[in-house]
Amino acid sequence: MSVKYIYRCFITLMLFMMLSFSIASGSIFEIKATSIDGREVSLSNYKGKILLIVNTASRCGFTPQYKSLEKIFKKYKERNFVVLAFPSNDFRQELSTNKEIRDFCEVYDLSFPIFAKGKVKGFEKQPVFKYLTEDSNGRSMGEIRWNFEKFLVSPEGKLVRRFRSSLDPNQDDITSAIESLFLQNLVYAYKNIIK
């Protein structure tokens, strides 16, 4: 571990703690979504985990990020971290059916949850993306610009950070933000123990 990496984690943690930083109100864990297999899934199943939510597409220049998403998922899953993929055809780069998408994802040997194809922008966007891109009054905090935008959500269900499509999931900006959340959880647990 480099000093630069530790320093980034420390600074990020301090910012979170000092500002009690949270972009969105409410909790993402109040939302339900449909899995790629058609089952309704309550996002409360992921309560207590750090989430990296990604809008995906099978025919995008960023599609190779699936490999990086799988790598980061495997790296951190034992530490209560999960990647949630939400395919969308909003940018006309997704396959036609959920079955085609599932079959395509099997080529990448993905082990993280994949949800049904749906809208990620505009008036008909899925509730999870309303939560991630609108404030509590329904005002836009910025529409999704392209496939593979990433949203980091705390174990409490609060949106913490947003990363644009071009940032690979294994780059320091994302991994240090994830590591900072792990550190923040340790500090929180420690404070509860000494009370």
Protein backbone atom coordinates (compact mmCIF):
# COMPACT_ATOMS: atom_id res chain seq x y z
CA MET A 1 0.00 0.00 0.00
CA SER A 2 1.45 3.34 -1.02
CA VAL A 3 1.51 6.42 1.18
CA LYS A 4 -0.41 8.27 -1.54
CA TYR A 5 -3.19 5.66 -1.45
CA ILE A 6 -3.45 5.75 2.36
CA TYR A 7 -3.46 9.53 2.28
CA ARG A 8 -6.33 9.57 -0.27
CA CYS A 9 -8.35 7.16 1.86
CA PHE A 10 -7.74 9.23 4.97
CA ILE A 11 -8.70 12.53 3.32
CA THR A 12 -11.85 11.01 1.82
CA LEU A 13 -12.82 9.55 5.19
CA MET A 14 -12.31 12.90 6.91
CA LEU A 15 -14.48 14.65 4.35
CA PHE A 16 -17.26 12.11 4.86
CA MET A 17 -17.10 12.42 8.61
CA MET A 18 -16.82 16.21 8.77
CA LEU A 19 -19.55 16.91 6.28
CA SER A 20 -21.77 13.89 7.02
CA PHE A 21 -21.84 13.84 3.25
CA SER A 22 -24.94 12.52 1.57
CA ILE A 23 -26.30 13.70 -1.75
CA ALA A 24 -29.73 12.09 -1.81
CA SER A 25 -32.36 11.85 0.92
CA GLY A 26 -34.16 8.74 2.05
CA SER A 27 -32.74 5.30 1.48
CA ILE A 28 -32.28 3.26 -1.64
CA PHE A 29 -33.28 0.24 0.43
CA GLU A 30 -36.94 1.33 0.21
CA ILE A 31 -36.91 0.58 -3.55
CA LYS A 32 -37.79 -2.63 -5.39
CA ALA A 33 -36.44 -3.64 -8.79
CA THR A 34 -36.90 -6.55 -11.20
CA SER A 35 -34.06 -9.04 -11.64
CA ILE A 36 -32.88 -10.14 -15.09
CA ASP A 37 -34.91 -13.34 -14.47
CA GLY A 38 -38.13 -11.38 -13.84
CA ARG A 39 -38.24 -11.69 -10.03
CA GLU A 40 -39.08 -8.67 -7.88
CA VAL A 41 -36.11 -7.87 -5.64
CA SER A 42 -36.20 -5.53 -2.67
CA LEU A 43 -33.01 -3.54 -2.49
CA SER A 44 -33.33 -3.91 1.29
CA ASN A 45 -31.71 -7.31 0.65
CA TYR A 46 -28.48 -5.32 0.28
CA LYS A 47 -28.90 -3.22 3.43
CA GLY A 48 -25.62 -2.97 5.32
CA LYS A 49 -23.56 -3.42 2.15
CA ILE A 50 -21.65 -0.88 0.11
CA LEU A 51 -23.23 -0.75 -3.36
CA LEU A 52 -21.75 0.20 -6.70
CA ILE A 53 -24.75 0.66 -9.00
CA VAL A 54 -24.02 0.79 -12.72
CA ASN A 55 -26.19 1.37 -15.79
CA THR A 56 -24.87 -1.08 -18.36
CA ALA A 57 -25.17 -1.91 -22.05
CA SER A 58 -23.92 -4.88 -24.06
CA ARG A 59 -22.87 -3.00 -27.21
CA CYS A 60 -21.03 -0.02 -25.78
CA GLY A 61 -17.39 0.98 -25.98
CA PHE A 62 -17.35 0.73 -22.17
CA THR A 63 -18.78 -2.82 -22.13
CA PRO A 64 -15.30 -4.27 -21.33
CA GLN A 65 -15.75 -2.61 -17.92
CA TYR A 66 -17.84 -5.68 -17.06
CA LYS A 67 -14.47 -7.42 -16.45
CA SER A 68 -13.39 -4.66 -14.08
CA LEU A 69 -16.74 -4.69 -12.30
CA GLU A 70 -16.40 -8.44 -11.75
CA LYS A 71 -12.84 -8.01 -10.53
CA ILE A 72 -13.77 -5.30 -8.01
CA PHE A 73 -16.80 -7.30 -6.89
CA LYS A 74 -14.67 -10.38 -6.20
CA LYS A 75 -12.04 -8.26 -4.46
CA TYR A 76 -14.46 -6.69 -1.97
CA LYS A 77 -17.49 -9.00 -1.72
CA GLU A 78 -16.27 -10.59 1.53
CA ARG A 79 -16.27 -7.08 3.02
CA ASN A 80 -20.00 -6.48 2.35
CA PHE A 81 -19.65 -4.90 -1.07
CA VAL A 82 -21.80 -5.64 -4.10
CA VAL A 83 -22.07 -4.43 -7.68
CA LEU A 84 -25.62 -4.06 -9.05
CA ALA A 85 -25.93 -3.85 -12.85
CA PHE A 86 -28.97 -2.23 -14.48
CA PRO A 87 -28.99 -2.72 -18.28
CA SER A 88 -30.59 0.04 -20.34
CA ASN A 89 -31.21 0.78 -23.98
CA ASP A 90 -31.54 4.54 -23.42
CA PHE A 91 -28.42 5.06 -25.55
CA ARG A 92 -29.45 2.41 -28.12
CA GLN A 93 -26.64 0.03 -27.27
CA GLU A 94 -28.40 -2.76 -25.37
CA LEU A 95 -29.73 -6.05 -26.65
CA SER A 96 -33.47 -6.53 -27.20
CA THR A 97 -34.49 -8.95 -24.44
CA ASN A 98 -33.49 -9.76 -20.89
CA LYS A 99 -32.66 -13.32 -22.01
CA GLU A 100 -30.23 -11.99 -24.63
CA ILE A 101 -28.67 -9.70 -22.03
CA ARG A 102 -28.35 -12.55 -19.51
CA ASP A 103 -26.76 -14.81 -22.13
CA PHE A 104 -24.35 -12.03 -23.10
CA CYS A 105 -23.37 -11.47 -19.45
CA GLU A 106 -22.69 -15.20 -19.04
CA VAL A 107 -19.87 -14.80 -21.57
CA TYR A 108 -18.24 -12.40 -19.07
CA ASP A 109 -18.89 -14.95 -16.27
CA LEU A 110 -20.45 -12.29 -14.06
CA SER A 111 -21.35 -13.26 -10.51
CA PHE A 112 -22.89 -9.99 -9.28
CA PRO A 113 -26.65 -9.25 -9.54
CA ILE A 114 -28.01 -8.09 -12.88
CA PHE A 115 -31.43 -6.52 -13.14
CA ALA A 116 -33.98 -6.27 -15.94
CA LYS A 117 -33.49 -3.82 -18.77
CA GLY A 118 -35.13 -0.48 -18.05
CA LYS A 119 -34.92 3.27 -18.42
CA VAL A 120 -32.20 5.18 -16.58
CA LYS A 121 -33.06 8.71 -17.74
CA GLY A 122 -36.10 10.80 -18.57
CA PHE A 123 -39.57 10.77 -17.06
CA GLU A 124 -39.96 6.99 -17.21
CA LYS A 125 -36.67 6.09 -15.49
CA GLN A 126 -36.66 3.28 -12.95
CA PRO A 127 -37.14 4.25 -9.27
CA VAL A 128 -33.52 3.35 -8.45
CA PHE A 129 -32.31 5.93 -10.96
CA LYS A 130 -34.84 8.51 -9.77
CA TYR A 131 -33.25 8.10 -6.35
CA LEU A 132 -29.73 8.37 -7.76
CA THR A 133 -30.29 11.37 -10.06
CA GLU A 134 -32.98 13.48 -8.36
CA ASP A 135 -33.15 15.26 -5.02
CA SER A 136 -35.97 14.68 -2.53
CA ASN A 137 -38.10 17.31 -4.32
CA GLY A 138 -37.75 15.56 -7.68
CA ARG A 139 -35.29 18.12 -9.07
CA SER A 140 -32.60 16.72 -11.32
CA MET A 141 -29.08 16.42 -9.97
CA GLY A 142 -27.92 15.57 -13.47
CA GLU A 143 -29.19 12.96 -15.89
CA ILE A 144 -27.06 9.98 -16.77
CA ARG A 145 -24.94 10.98 -19.76
CA TRP A 146 -23.94 7.54 -21.03
CA ASN A 147 -23.71 3.83 -20.25
CA PHE A 148 -21.56 2.63 -17.34
CA GLU A 149 -22.04 5.57 -15.01
CA LYS A 150 -21.35 4.36 -11.49
CA PHE A 151 -23.03 5.32 -8.22
CA LEU A 152 -21.46 4.50 -4.85
CA VAL A 153 -24.02 3.97 -2.08
CA SER A 154 -23.25 3.64 1.64
CA PRO A 155 -24.40 0.71 3.80
CA GLU A 156 -27.10 3.06 5.13
CA GLY A 157 -28.51 3.50 1.63
CA LYS A 158 -27.26 7.03 0.95
CA LEU A 159 -25.71 8.12 -2.32
CA VAL A 160 -22.09 9.01 -1.64
CA ARG A 161 -20.37 9.51 -4.99
CA ARG A 162 -21.03 9.39 -8.70
CA PHE A 163 -18.46 8.41 -11.30
CA ARG A 164 -18.70 9.03 -15.03
CA SER A 165 -18.53 6.32 -17.66
CA SER A 166 -14.90 6.78 -18.64
CA LEU A 167 -13.61 5.98 -15.15
CA ASP A 168 -12.76 2.28 -14.94
CA PRO A 169 -14.02 0.64 -11.71
CA ASN A 170 -10.47 -0.42 -10.74
CA GLN A 171 -9.04 3.10 -10.86
CA ASP A 172 -7.91 4.76 -7.63
CA ASP A 173 -10.78 7.28 -7.52
CA ILE A 174 -13.30 4.48 -7.15
CA THR A 175 -11.29 2.00 -5.08
CA SER A 176 -10.18 4.69 -2.61
CA ALA A 177 -13.79 5.85 -2.20
CA ILE A 178 -14.83 2.24 -1.49
CA GLU A 179 -11.93 1.78 0.94
CA SER A 180 -12.93 5.02 2.69
CA LEU A 181 -16.42 3.68 3.24
CA PHE A 182 -14.94 0.51 4.75
CA LEU A 183 -12.86 2.73 7.05
CA GLN A 184 -15.86 4.85 7.94
CA ASN A 185 -17.79 1.72 8.91
CA LEU A 186 -14.94 0.61 11.17
CA VAL A 187 -14.90 4.00 12.90
CA TYR A 188 -18.68 3.86 13.34
CA ALA A 189 -18.51 0.33 14.75
CA TYR A 190 -15.69 1.34 17.11
CA LYS A 191 -17.67 4.33 18.41
CA ASN A 192 -20.65 2.06 19.11
CA ILE A 193 -18.45 -0.42 20.97
CA ILE A 194 -16.97 2.20 23.31
CA LYS A 195 -20.33 3.82 24.16
